[in-house]
Amino acid sequence: MKEKPIRSEGKKRRYAGSALVYAAGYFVLILMVFLIIVCNDFQGWTRFFTEHYANAIFVAVSVFFLVAIIYCYYFFEDREMLLKAGNTLLLFAIFVLSTVLCYVFGRFVSVYARPFALFAILCTFLLNRKSAIFLNFIYSVFLFIIDMYTNMVVGGVMYATSELTADVFSTLMLGFASGTLAVFLSERVKTRLGLLATGVILIFPTCLVVLLLKLPELAGEGWQSYVVPIGWRAFGSVVSAVIALAAMPVFEAMFNRLTSFRLRELTSSSAPLLDKLKKDAPGTFNHSLIVAQLAESCALAIGENAELARAAAYYHDVGKLKAPDCFTENQSGYNVHDELTPELSADIIRSHAVEGYDLLIKAHLPRVIADVAREHHGTLPIKYFYDKATRLAGEEADIKDFSYYGPTPRSKIAAIIMIADAAEAATRAMKDRSPENVERTVRSIIEERMDLGQFADCNITMKELTTIKETLVDALSGVHHHRVEYPAIRFNRDKKAVEDKDA
């Protein structure tokens, strides 16, 4: 009961800290807008602040409201986003990069060549689709404010701040449409080539938007007025995807973000840690492959990120690299634990969770994957060595000396891997792997972990646990299905059956 106020105070401080970061982000955006004013007219930029100071105030207030709306959105819809300063820094970094590039292309190339979709694509992959849709709307209004009040070059003409032109509203609609379409087109993209293809596909709907927006000019200027804007819009659509491809790895590294692209790279068999696991601990590697398959199926069944579940499962036992021969799946006859005390054996076994976390952090892998490596055994007891110590001592051993260090799973992905890890190992050790026995084993594993409070911090529901159980039973029955016994014969060169003496 005493911990709740402490946690509450801690969160209040973190929310206050995030508000300060948003305030700093606001000043960065305002500074950027005013720098755009300077860049537009090096000699006469002071006139904007003297003769049009009301516009400068309007810009500052408008941007303030946009930033405040973003903060309120996350405060009410996704407070976890506010608890990490890195998330806020990432958001404003995307804002700055996208705005600068849109300004450069609009000023020196064409307003229709702007990479409007860049902001939405980066938000989709580095944040999430829901946030990307909302933020793209805010970003479109932000660009509109710049166009209207900072002497932005529009259509090759420098407009005064007091002028209201159709081109400005056209770019507002074009930016909003391009970004929104980009979110839905790129949502299910899993490869970098697929993202490039998205940029190409984006040409057609965005060019149609340009066509419709410039329809009033058809009577006065003829069809020639369409060709150049449409050409530049096609260029801008492709450039948005190309720049996103170039920027994504930088954002992934700087802010330790997980995208579908990076997840696929991490789960490649040529990834350094996986390659080392395959060579030094082949039994653990093969076990991790099966657990990954099971975790992916379970994550899909309950609506979690299946790719993240697979990647986390690949690395969940990477801590065993420190002493691979101390784990059963990597042993071939000799068991080092026969010569060790139960207490020392338990220390070696339970250390692999913490060592895996340290190894993954040192290798700069995403924190969420490292957390799973540390949490996938929670604070469970190591039954084998606890029982061995009890029998040797003739009295009940201290359970704390034979339990994992924890913490317990704090995400549903970690809970899935905790269950799948134990279920795979237990099923592999069974002689009778009938669906009934597999179901009984998996149910027992889940119930025991519930009794020991292992799921208290991950908000997983009974319905989801039931779905996980059913998914694992179906999958494990397929992985460890019954096979017929092959006859002990082989065929010689004459294709005649002879007895196989080696069988």
Protein backbone atom coordinates (compact mmCIF):
# COMPACT_ATOMS: atom_id res chain seq x y z
CA MET A 1 0.00 0.00 0.00
CA LYS A 2 2.91 2.36 0.67
CA GLU A 3 4.31 2.03 -2.84
CA LYS A 4 1.34 3.52 -4.69
CA PRO A 5 1.86 7.14 -3.56
CA ILE A 6 5.57 6.83 -4.38
CA ARG A 7 4.79 5.60 -7.89
CA SER A 8 2.16 8.30 -8.28
CA GLU A 9 4.65 11.01 -7.27
CA GLY A 10 7.20 9.56 -9.67
CA LYS A 11 4.75 9.69 -12.55
CA LYS A 12 3.74 13.25 -11.73
CA ARG A 13 7.37 14.32 -11.92
CA ARG A 14 7.80 12.52 -15.23
CA TYR A 15 4.67 14.15 -16.67
CA ALA A 16 5.97 17.53 -15.54
CA GLY A 17 9.31 16.72 -17.14
CA SER A 18 7.64 15.75 -20.40
CA ALA A 19 5.70 19.05 -20.36
CA LEU A 20 9.03 20.90 -20.12
CA VAL A 21 10.38 18.90 -23.06
CA TYR A 22 7.28 19.83 -25.07
CA ALA A 23 7.85 23.47 -24.14
CA ALA A 24 11.43 23.20 -25.39
CA GLY A 25 10.12 21.57 -28.57
CA TYR A 26 7.73 24.47 -29.05
CA PHE A 27 10.58 27.00 -28.90
CA VAL A 28 12.55 24.91 -31.40
CA LEU A 29 9.62 25.00 -33.84
CA ILE A 30 9.13 28.75 -33.40
CA LEU A 31 12.85 29.33 -33.94
CA MET A 32 12.69 27.23 -37.10
CA VAL A 33 9.71 29.21 -38.42
CA PHE A 34 11.46 32.53 -37.80
CA LEU A 35 14.62 31.21 -39.47
CA ILE A 36 12.51 30.41 -42.52
CA ILE A 37 11.40 34.06 -42.55
CA VAL A 38 15.05 35.15 -42.48
CA CYS A 39 16.01 32.72 -45.24
CA ASN A 40 13.17 33.97 -47.44
CA ASP A 41 14.50 37.53 -47.43
CA PHE A 42 17.93 38.19 -45.91
CA GLN A 43 17.73 41.93 -46.45
CA GLY A 44 14.14 42.75 -45.61
CA TRP A 45 13.24 40.14 -43.01
CA THR A 46 13.11 42.73 -40.21
CA ARG A 47 10.10 44.26 -41.97
CA PHE A 48 8.09 41.17 -41.08
CA PHE A 49 8.59 41.76 -37.36
CA THR A 50 8.07 45.52 -37.52
CA GLU A 51 5.26 45.99 -40.04
CA HIS A 52 3.63 42.60 -39.58
CA TYR A 53 4.31 41.94 -35.89
CA ALA A 54 0.67 40.89 -35.46
CA ASN A 55 1.33 38.01 -37.86
CA ALA A 56 4.43 37.02 -35.90
CA ILE A 57 2.36 36.90 -32.72
CA PHE A 58 -0.34 34.89 -34.49
CA VAL A 59 2.25 32.36 -35.69
CA ALA A 60 3.70 31.98 -32.19
CA VAL A 61 0.28 31.51 -30.59
CA SER A 62 -0.91 29.12 -33.30
CA VAL A 63 2.15 26.90 -32.99
CA PHE A 64 1.76 26.95 -29.21
CA PHE A 65 -1.81 25.65 -29.53
CA LEU A 66 -0.72 22.93 -31.96
CA VAL A 67 1.97 21.69 -29.55
CA ALA A 68 -0.50 21.88 -26.63
CA ILE A 69 -3.03 19.83 -28.62
CA ILE A 70 -0.39 17.14 -29.26
CA TYR A 71 0.47 17.03 -25.56
CA CYS A 72 -3.20 16.75 -24.56
CA TYR A 73 -3.74 14.02 -27.13
CA TYR A 74 -1.01 11.88 -25.64
CA PHE A 75 -1.98 12.71 -22.08
CA PHE A 76 -5.49 11.36 -22.61
CA GLU A 77 -4.84 8.68 -25.24
CA ASP A 78 -1.32 7.31 -24.67
CA ARG A 79 0.32 8.51 -21.47
CA GLU A 80 3.18 6.03 -21.83
CA MET A 81 4.41 8.19 -24.70
CA LEU A 82 4.88 11.09 -22.28
CA LEU A 83 6.81 9.08 -19.70
CA LYS A 84 9.90 8.77 -21.91
CA ALA A 85 11.72 11.92 -23.00
CA GLY A 86 13.15 10.03 -25.98
CA ASN A 87 9.66 9.68 -27.46
CA THR A 88 9.12 13.44 -27.34
CA LEU A 89 12.55 14.16 -28.80
CA LEU A 90 11.81 11.72 -31.61
CA LEU A 91 8.50 13.43 -32.37
CA PHE A 92 10.03 16.90 -32.62
CA ALA A 93 12.99 15.57 -34.62
CA ILE A 94 10.53 14.23 -37.21
CA PHE A 95 8.73 17.59 -37.20
CA VAL A 96 11.94 19.54 -37.79
CA LEU A 97 13.35 17.25 -40.48
CA SER A 98 10.08 17.09 -42.44
CA THR A 99 9.50 20.84 -42.24
CA VAL A 100 13.02 21.77 -43.32
CA LEU A 101 12.87 19.41 -46.30
CA CYS A 102 9.41 20.66 -47.32
CA TYR A 103 10.72 24.23 -47.15
CA VAL A 104 13.83 23.47 -49.21
CA PHE A 105 11.90 21.62 -51.93
CA GLY A 106 9.14 24.23 -51.97
CA ARG A 107 11.58 27.14 -52.15
CA PHE A 108 14.12 25.84 -54.63
CA VAL A 109 12.23 23.23 -56.68
CA SER A 110 8.44 23.47 -56.67
CA VAL A 111 5.69 23.57 -54.09
CA TYR A 112 4.31 20.39 -55.61
CA ALA A 113 7.67 18.64 -55.25
CA ARG A 114 7.52 18.81 -51.46
CA PRO A 115 7.86 15.43 -49.69
CA PHE A 116 4.48 15.86 -48.00
CA ALA A 117 4.19 12.16 -47.14
CA LEU A 118 7.56 11.95 -45.38
CA PHE A 119 6.23 13.06 -41.99
CA ALA A 120 3.34 10.57 -42.06
CA ILE A 121 5.55 7.66 -43.18
CA LEU A 122 8.11 8.27 -40.41
CA CYS A 123 5.36 8.57 -37.78
CA THR A 124 3.72 5.36 -39.00
CA PHE A 125 6.89 3.29 -38.64
CA LEU A 126 8.53 4.99 -35.66
CA LEU A 127 5.36 5.62 -33.62
CA ASN A 128 2.11 3.95 -34.71
CA ARG A 129 -0.72 4.33 -37.20
CA LYS A 130 -3.18 6.00 -34.83
CA SER A 131 -0.66 8.65 -33.83
CA ALA A 132 0.45 9.11 -37.45
CA ILE A 133 -3.08 9.98 -38.61
CA PHE A 134 -3.57 12.54 -35.84
CA LEU A 135 -0.09 14.03 -36.11
CA ASN A 136 -0.35 14.33 -39.89
CA PHE A 137 -3.38 16.57 -39.43
CA ILE A 138 -1.45 18.78 -36.99
CA TYR A 139 1.55 18.83 -39.32
CA SER A 140 -0.59 19.87 -42.30
CA VAL A 141 -1.98 22.82 -40.31
CA PHE A 142 1.57 23.67 -39.22
CA LEU A 143 2.75 23.83 -42.85
CA PHE A 144 -0.32 25.89 -43.72
CA ILE A 145 0.62 28.44 -41.04
CA ILE A 146 4.13 28.66 -42.46
CA ASP A 147 2.79 29.16 -45.98
CA MET A 148 0.37 31.86 -44.90
CA TYR A 149 2.46 33.93 -42.53
CA THR A 150 6.15 33.61 -43.29
CA ASN A 151 6.46 34.76 -46.93
CA MET A 152 6.77 31.14 -48.05
CA VAL A 153 7.38 30.66 -51.74
CA VAL A 154 4.25 29.11 -53.22
CA GLY A 155 4.05 28.12 -56.86
CA GLY A 156 7.26 30.03 -57.60
CA VAL A 157 5.82 33.36 -56.37
CA MET A 158 6.73 35.18 -53.15
CA TYR A 159 3.41 36.12 -51.57
CA ALA A 160 3.02 38.86 -48.97
CA THR A 161 1.81 37.79 -45.58
CA SER A 162 -1.54 39.47 -46.03
CA GLU A 163 -2.39 37.66 -49.27
CA LEU A 164 -4.73 34.68 -49.23
CA THR A 165 -4.24 32.51 -52.29
CA ALA A 166 -5.84 29.40 -53.68
CA ASP A 167 -2.40 27.80 -53.94
CA VAL A 168 -1.94 27.99 -50.17
CA PHE A 169 -5.18 26.14 -49.54
CA SER A 170 -4.34 23.70 -52.31
CA THR A 171 -1.08 22.75 -50.60
CA LEU A 172 -2.94 22.38 -47.29
CA MET A 173 -5.30 19.85 -48.85
CA LEU A 174 -2.50 18.18 -50.78
CA GLY A 175 -0.37 17.79 -47.67
CA PHE A 176 -3.24 16.37 -45.64
CA ALA A 177 -4.31 13.99 -48.41
CA SER A 178 -0.76 12.81 -49.16
CA GLY A 179 0.02 12.11 -45.52
CA THR A 180 -3.24 10.32 -44.79
CA LEU A 181 -2.93 8.11 -47.86
CA ALA A 182 0.69 7.36 -46.98
CA VAL A 183 -0.33 6.13 -43.51
CA PHE A 184 -2.79 3.59 -44.88
CA LEU A 185 -0.56 2.51 -47.76
CA SER A 186 2.56 1.99 -45.64
CA GLU A 187 0.88 0.45 -42.58
CA ARG A 188 1.42 -3.16 -43.68
CA VAL A 189 4.73 -2.67 -45.48
CA LYS A 190 7.35 -5.08 -44.13
CA THR A 191 10.34 -4.49 -46.40
CA ARG A 192 12.30 -1.43 -47.48
CA LEU A 193 11.59 -2.26 -51.12
CA GLY A 194 7.90 -2.34 -50.22
CA LEU A 195 8.19 1.19 -48.81
CA LEU A 196 9.74 2.38 -52.07
CA ALA A 197 6.84 0.75 -53.93
CA THR A 198 4.47 2.65 -51.64
CA GLY A 199 6.00 5.91 -52.82
CA VAL A 200 5.37 4.88 -56.41
CA ILE A 201 1.77 3.88 -55.69
CA LEU A 202 1.25 7.18 -53.89
CA ILE A 203 1.84 8.99 -57.20
CA PHE A 204 -1.57 8.11 -58.59
CA PRO A 205 -3.94 9.30 -55.83
CA THR A 206 -1.89 12.42 -55.05
CA CYS A 207 -1.68 13.39 -58.71
CA LEU A 208 -5.45 12.99 -58.87
CA VAL A 209 -5.71 15.40 -55.91
CA VAL A 210 -3.56 17.93 -57.80
CA LEU A 211 -5.72 17.46 -60.88
CA LEU A 212 -8.91 18.20 -58.96
CA LEU A 213 -7.44 21.14 -57.04
CA LYS A 214 -6.27 22.82 -60.25
CA LEU A 215 -9.50 22.14 -62.12
CA PRO A 216 -10.58 25.84 -62.01
CA GLU A 217 -7.45 26.78 -63.98
CA LEU A 218 -8.38 24.54 -66.91
CA ALA A 219 -10.62 27.11 -68.57
CA GLY A 220 -8.13 29.95 -68.35
CA GLU A 221 -4.77 28.30 -68.94
CA GLY A 222 -5.59 25.00 -70.63
CA TRP A 223 -4.32 21.50 -69.94
CA GLN A 224 -0.67 22.63 -70.02
CA SER A 225 -1.10 24.04 -66.51
CA TYR A 226 -1.56 20.45 -65.26
CA VAL A 227 1.57 18.85 -66.66
CA VAL A 228 4.26 20.50 -64.56
CA PRO A 229 2.44 20.29 -61.18
CA ILE A 230 1.57 16.63 -61.77
CA GLY A 231 5.16 15.86 -62.75
CA TRP A 232 6.51 17.50 -59.62
CA ARG A 233 3.88 15.76 -57.48
CA ALA A 234 4.95 12.38 -58.83
CA PHE A 235 8.54 13.33 -57.99
CA GLY A 236 7.54 14.41 -54.47
CA SER A 237 5.74 11.14 -53.77
CA VAL A 238 8.76 9.03 -54.67
CA VAL A 239 11.16 11.37 -52.87
CA SER A 240 9.08 11.04 -49.68
CA ALA A 241 9.66 7.26 -49.66
CA VAL A 242 13.35 7.57 -50.60
CA ILE A 243 14.09 10.08 -47.83
CA ALA A 244 12.11 7.97 -45.35
CA LEU A 245 14.25 4.95 -46.28
CA ALA A 246 17.42 6.97 -45.70
CA ALA A 247 16.22 8.56 -42.44
CA MET A 248 14.70 5.47 -40.84
CA PRO A 249 17.98 3.72 -39.86
CA VAL A 250 19.24 6.99 -38.33
CA PHE A 251 16.12 7.38 -36.19
CA GLU A 252 16.20 3.68 -35.29
CA ALA A 253 19.77 4.01 -34.00
CA MET A 254 19.45 7.42 -32.33
CA PHE A 255 16.21 6.66 -30.48
CA ASN A 256 16.51 2.86 -30.27
CA ARG A 257 13.19 2.41 -32.09
CA LEU A 258 11.82 -0.81 -33.44
CA THR A 259 10.39 -0.81 -36.94
CA SER A 260 9.25 -3.81 -38.95
CA PHE A 261 12.41 -3.39 -41.01
CA ARG A 262 14.70 -3.55 -38.00
CA LEU A 263 12.81 -6.48 -36.52
CA ARG A 264 13.41 -8.45 -39.69
CA GLU A 265 17.10 -7.57 -39.60
CA LEU A 266 17.34 -8.65 -35.95
CA THR A 267 15.70 -12.01 -36.68
CA SER A 268 17.97 -12.80 -39.60
CA SER A 269 20.14 -15.86 -38.91
CA SER A 270 23.16 -13.74 -39.85
CA ALA A 271 22.53 -11.31 -36.96
CA PRO A 272 25.72 -11.38 -34.80
CA LEU A 273 24.23 -12.67 -31.55
CA LEU A 274 22.02 -15.23 -33.28
CA ASP A 275 24.97 -16.46 -35.33
CA LYS A 276 27.00 -16.87 -32.14
CA LEU A 277 24.08 -18.65 -30.45
CA LYS A 278 23.77 -21.01 -33.40
CA LYS A 279 27.48 -21.92 -33.23
CA ASP A 280 28.12 -21.98 -29.48
CA ALA A 281 24.73 -23.13 -28.16
CA PRO A 282 22.95 -25.01 -30.97
CA GLY A 283 20.45 -26.62 -28.63
CA THR A 284 19.40 -23.26 -27.22
CA PHE A 285 19.22 -21.82 -30.73
CA ASN A 286 16.87 -24.57 -31.94
CA HIS A 287 14.76 -24.20 -28.80
CA SER A 288 14.53 -20.45 -29.43
CA LEU A 289 13.35 -21.04 -32.99
CA ILE A 290 10.44 -23.16 -31.80
CA VAL A 291 9.57 -20.72 -29.00
CA ALA A 292 9.61 -17.91 -31.58
CA GLN A 293 7.14 -19.80 -33.75
CA LEU A 294 4.87 -20.40 -30.77
CA ALA A 295 5.15 -16.81 -29.48
CA GLU A 296 4.34 -15.39 -32.90
CA SER A 297 1.18 -17.50 -33.14
CA CYS A 298 0.08 -16.48 -29.64
CA ALA A 299 0.74 -12.79 -30.27
CA LEU A 300 -1.35 -12.91 -33.45
CA ALA A 301 -4.15 -14.66 -31.58
CA ILE A 302 -4.47 -11.91 -28.94
CA GLY A 303 -3.70 -8.94 -31.20
CA GLU A 304 -0.13 -8.20 -30.07
CA ASN A 305 2.86 -7.38 -32.29
CA ALA A 306 3.72 -10.78 -33.77
CA GLU A 307 7.05 -9.64 -35.25
CA LEU A 308 8.17 -8.24 -31.91
CA ALA A 309 7.15 -11.49 -30.18
CA ARG A 310 9.20 -13.50 -32.66
CA ALA A 311 12.26 -11.28 -32.29
CA ALA A 312 12.07 -11.27 -28.48
CA ALA A 313 11.76 -15.08 -28.48
CA TYR A 314 14.86 -15.41 -30.66
CA TYR A 315 16.90 -13.55 -28.04
CA HIS A 316 15.18 -14.59 -24.80
CA ASP A 317 17.86 -17.18 -23.90
CA VAL A 318 20.88 -15.39 -25.30
CA GLY A 319 22.30 -15.16 -21.75
CA LYS A 320 23.10 -18.87 -21.96
CA LEU A 321 26.04 -17.97 -24.20
CA LYS A 322 28.12 -17.31 -21.10
CA ALA A 323 28.03 -20.99 -20.11
CA PRO A 324 26.19 -22.97 -22.81
CA ASP A 325 27.32 -26.38 -21.52
CA CYS A 326 25.51 -25.75 -18.24
CA PHE A 327 22.13 -26.05 -19.94
CA THR A 328 20.57 -29.40 -20.79
CA GLU A 329 19.74 -28.69 -24.42
CA ASN A 330 23.43 -28.11 -25.20
CA GLN A 331 24.79 -31.13 -23.32
CA SER A 332 25.80 -34.42 -24.90
CA GLY A 333 26.11 -36.97 -22.13
CA TYR A 334 28.20 -35.13 -19.52
CA ASN A 335 26.26 -32.94 -17.08
CA VAL A 336 28.38 -30.38 -15.20
CA HIS A 337 25.71 -30.03 -12.53
CA ASP A 338 26.44 -33.55 -11.26
CA GLU A 339 29.60 -32.12 -9.71
CA LEU A 340 28.11 -28.89 -8.35
CA THR A 341 26.05 -28.06 -5.30
CA PRO A 342 22.36 -27.30 -5.95
CA GLU A 343 22.87 -23.72 -4.78
CA LEU A 344 25.69 -23.10 -7.28
CA SER A 345 23.77 -24.79 -10.07
CA ALA A 346 20.72 -22.63 -9.36
CA ASP A 347 22.90 -19.50 -9.44
CA ILE A 348 24.25 -20.46 -12.87
CA ILE A 349 20.81 -21.24 -14.26
CA ARG A 350 19.03 -18.16 -12.97
CA SER A 351 21.85 -15.83 -13.96
CA HIS A 352 21.18 -16.37 -17.66
CA ALA A 353 18.17 -14.03 -17.55
CA VAL A 354 20.16 -11.11 -16.12
CA GLU A 355 23.21 -11.86 -18.27
CA GLY A 356 21.01 -11.96 -21.36
CA TYR A 357 19.66 -8.51 -20.52
CA ASP A 358 23.17 -7.11 -20.04
CA LEU A 359 24.42 -8.70 -23.25
CA LEU A 360 21.55 -7.30 -25.30
CA ILE A 361 21.93 -3.80 -23.85
CA LYS A 362 25.67 -3.92 -24.52
CA ALA A 363 24.95 -4.97 -28.13
CA HIS A 364 22.59 -1.96 -28.47
CA LEU A 365 19.53 -4.05 -29.14
CA PRO A 366 16.14 -2.49 -28.33
CA ARG A 367 15.33 -2.23 -24.63
CA VAL A 368 12.00 -4.02 -25.10
CA ILE A 369 13.80 -7.18 -26.30
CA ALA A 370 16.32 -6.98 -23.47
CA ASP A 371 13.47 -6.62 -20.96
CA VAL A 372 11.89 -9.84 -22.21
CA ALA A 373 15.19 -11.69 -21.75
CA ARG A 374 15.28 -10.56 -18.10
CA GLU A 375 11.57 -11.09 -17.38
CA HIS A 376 10.73 -14.36 -19.14
CA HIS A 377 11.30 -16.43 -15.98
CA GLY A 378 9.92 -13.78 -13.62
CA THR A 379 10.55 -14.83 -10.01
CA LEU A 380 9.75 -18.50 -10.59
CA PRO A 381 11.48 -21.17 -8.50
CA ILE A 382 13.95 -23.56 -10.16
CA LYS A 383 12.20 -26.75 -9.08
CA TYR A 384 14.86 -29.31 -9.99
CA PHE A 385 17.63 -27.84 -7.85
CA TYR A 386 15.25 -26.81 -5.07
CA ASP A 387 14.12 -30.45 -4.82
CA LYS A 388 17.72 -31.68 -5.01
CA ALA A 389 18.81 -29.34 -2.20
CA THR A 390 15.85 -30.38 -0.05
CA ARG A 391 16.67 -34.06 -0.46
CA LEU A 392 20.37 -33.57 0.24
CA ALA A 393 19.77 -31.44 3.33
CA GLY A 394 16.91 -33.53 4.64
CA GLU A 395 14.89 -30.40 5.23
CA GLU A 396 13.08 -27.80 3.15
CA ALA A 397 15.45 -25.37 1.42
CA ASP A 398 14.96 -21.59 1.25
CA ILE A 399 12.92 -21.00 -1.89
CA LYS A 400 14.52 -17.56 -2.40
CA ASP A 401 17.90 -19.19 -3.02
CA PHE A 402 16.38 -21.15 -5.89
CA SER A 403 14.22 -18.50 -7.56
CA TYR A 404 14.92 -16.24 -10.53
CA TYR A 405 15.75 -12.63 -9.75
CA GLY A 406 12.87 -11.16 -11.74
CA PRO A 407 11.18 -8.83 -12.39
CA THR A 408 7.95 -10.50 -13.42
CA PRO A 409 6.71 -9.89 -16.99
CA ARG A 410 5.70 -6.28 -17.55
CA SER A 411 4.35 -6.75 -21.06
CA LYS A 412 2.05 -9.24 -22.71
CA ILE A 413 4.88 -10.23 -25.05
CA ALA A 414 7.03 -11.20 -22.05
CA ALA A 415 4.11 -13.18 -20.58
CA ILE A 416 3.60 -15.02 -23.87
CA ILE A 417 7.27 -15.99 -24.05
CA MET A 418 7.27 -17.07 -20.40
CA ILE A 419 4.43 -19.50 -21.14
CA ALA A 420 5.67 -20.62 -24.57
CA ASP A 421 9.20 -21.23 -23.24
CA ALA A 422 8.00 -23.50 -20.46
CA ALA A 423 5.39 -25.20 -22.63
CA GLU A 424 7.90 -26.08 -25.35
CA ALA A 425 10.41 -27.52 -22.87
CA ALA A 426 7.76 -29.50 -20.95
CA THR A 427 6.16 -30.88 -24.12
CA ARG A 428 9.51 -31.91 -25.56
CA ALA A 429 10.18 -33.97 -22.40
CA MET A 430 6.83 -35.78 -22.61
CA LYS A 431 6.59 -39.32 -23.94
CA ASP A 432 2.88 -39.12 -24.71
CA ARG A 433 2.24 -35.91 -26.66
CA SER A 434 -1.41 -36.41 -27.31
CA PRO A 435 -3.49 -33.20 -27.50
CA GLU A 436 -5.09 -34.08 -24.16
CA ASN A 437 -1.73 -34.38 -22.39
CA VAL A 438 -0.39 -31.24 -24.07
CA GLU A 439 -3.50 -29.31 -23.02
CA ARG A 440 -3.16 -30.55 -19.44
CA THR A 441 0.52 -29.54 -19.33
CA VAL A 442 0.00 -26.06 -20.79
CA ARG A 443 -2.97 -25.41 -18.49
CA SER A 444 -0.89 -26.44 -15.49
CA ILE A 445 1.95 -24.12 -16.53
CA ILE A 446 -0.40 -21.13 -16.84
CA GLU A 447 -2.23 -21.86 -13.58
CA GLU A 448 1.02 -22.22 -11.64
CA ARG A 449 2.27 -18.86 -12.90
CA MET A 450 -1.03 -17.25 -12.01
CA ASP A 451 -0.83 -18.69 -8.49
CA LEU A 452 2.69 -17.26 -8.13
CA GLY A 453 1.58 -13.79 -9.30
CA GLN A 454 3.74 -13.76 -12.42
CA PHE A 455 1.16 -11.89 -14.53
CA ALA A 456 0.31 -9.16 -12.02
CA ASP A 457 2.29 -6.44 -13.84
CA CYS A 458 1.42 -7.09 -17.48
CA ASN A 459 -2.36 -6.52 -17.59
CA ILE A 460 -3.03 -9.76 -19.41
CA THR A 461 -6.63 -10.99 -19.16
CA MET A 462 -8.07 -14.44 -18.46
CA LYS A 463 -9.57 -14.46 -21.94
CA GLU A 464 -6.15 -13.80 -23.45
CA LEU A 465 -4.54 -16.51 -21.33
CA THR A 466 -7.21 -18.96 -22.50
CA THR A 467 -6.53 -17.97 -26.11
CA ILE A 468 -2.79 -18.44 -25.56
CA LYS A 469 -3.39 -21.88 -24.06
CA GLU A 470 -5.54 -23.00 -27.00
CA THR A 471 -3.04 -21.62 -29.51
CA LEU A 472 -0.13 -23.39 -27.83
CA VAL A 473 -1.98 -26.71 -27.66
CA ASP A 474 -2.74 -26.58 -31.39
CA ALA A 475 0.80 -25.51 -32.28
CA LEU A 476 2.62 -27.96 -29.99
CA SER A 477 0.46 -30.84 -31.14
CA GLY A 478 1.65 -30.02 -34.66
CA VAL A 479 5.32 -29.55 -33.74
CA HIS A 480 5.55 -32.71 -31.60
CA HIS A 481 2.98 -34.83 -33.42
CA HIS A 482 3.08 -38.62 -33.29
CA ARG A 483 5.10 -40.36 -35.97
CA VAL A 484 4.87 -43.97 -37.13
CA GLU A 485 7.81 -46.21 -36.31
CA TYR A 486 9.88 -46.87 -39.41
CA PRO A 487 10.87 -50.51 -40.16
CA ALA A 488 14.54 -51.38 -39.63
CA ILE A 489 15.30 -52.01 -43.30
CA ARG A 490 17.12 -50.22 -46.08
CA PHE A 491 17.43 -50.72 -49.83
CA ASN A 492 20.65 -51.75 -51.57
CA ARG A 493 21.80 -50.85 -55.07
CA ASP A 494 19.62 -53.61 -56.53
CA LYS A 495 16.63 -51.96 -54.83
CA LYS A 496 16.15 -54.96 -52.59
CA ALA A 497 15.20 -54.57 -48.93
CA VAL A 498 17.83 -55.75 -46.45
CA GLU A 499 17.99 -55.52 -42.67
CA ASP A 500 19.53 -52.29 -41.36
CA LYS A 501 21.97 -53.49 -38.70
CA ASP A 502 22.73 -49.93 -37.55
CA ALA A 503 19.08 -49.18 -36.75
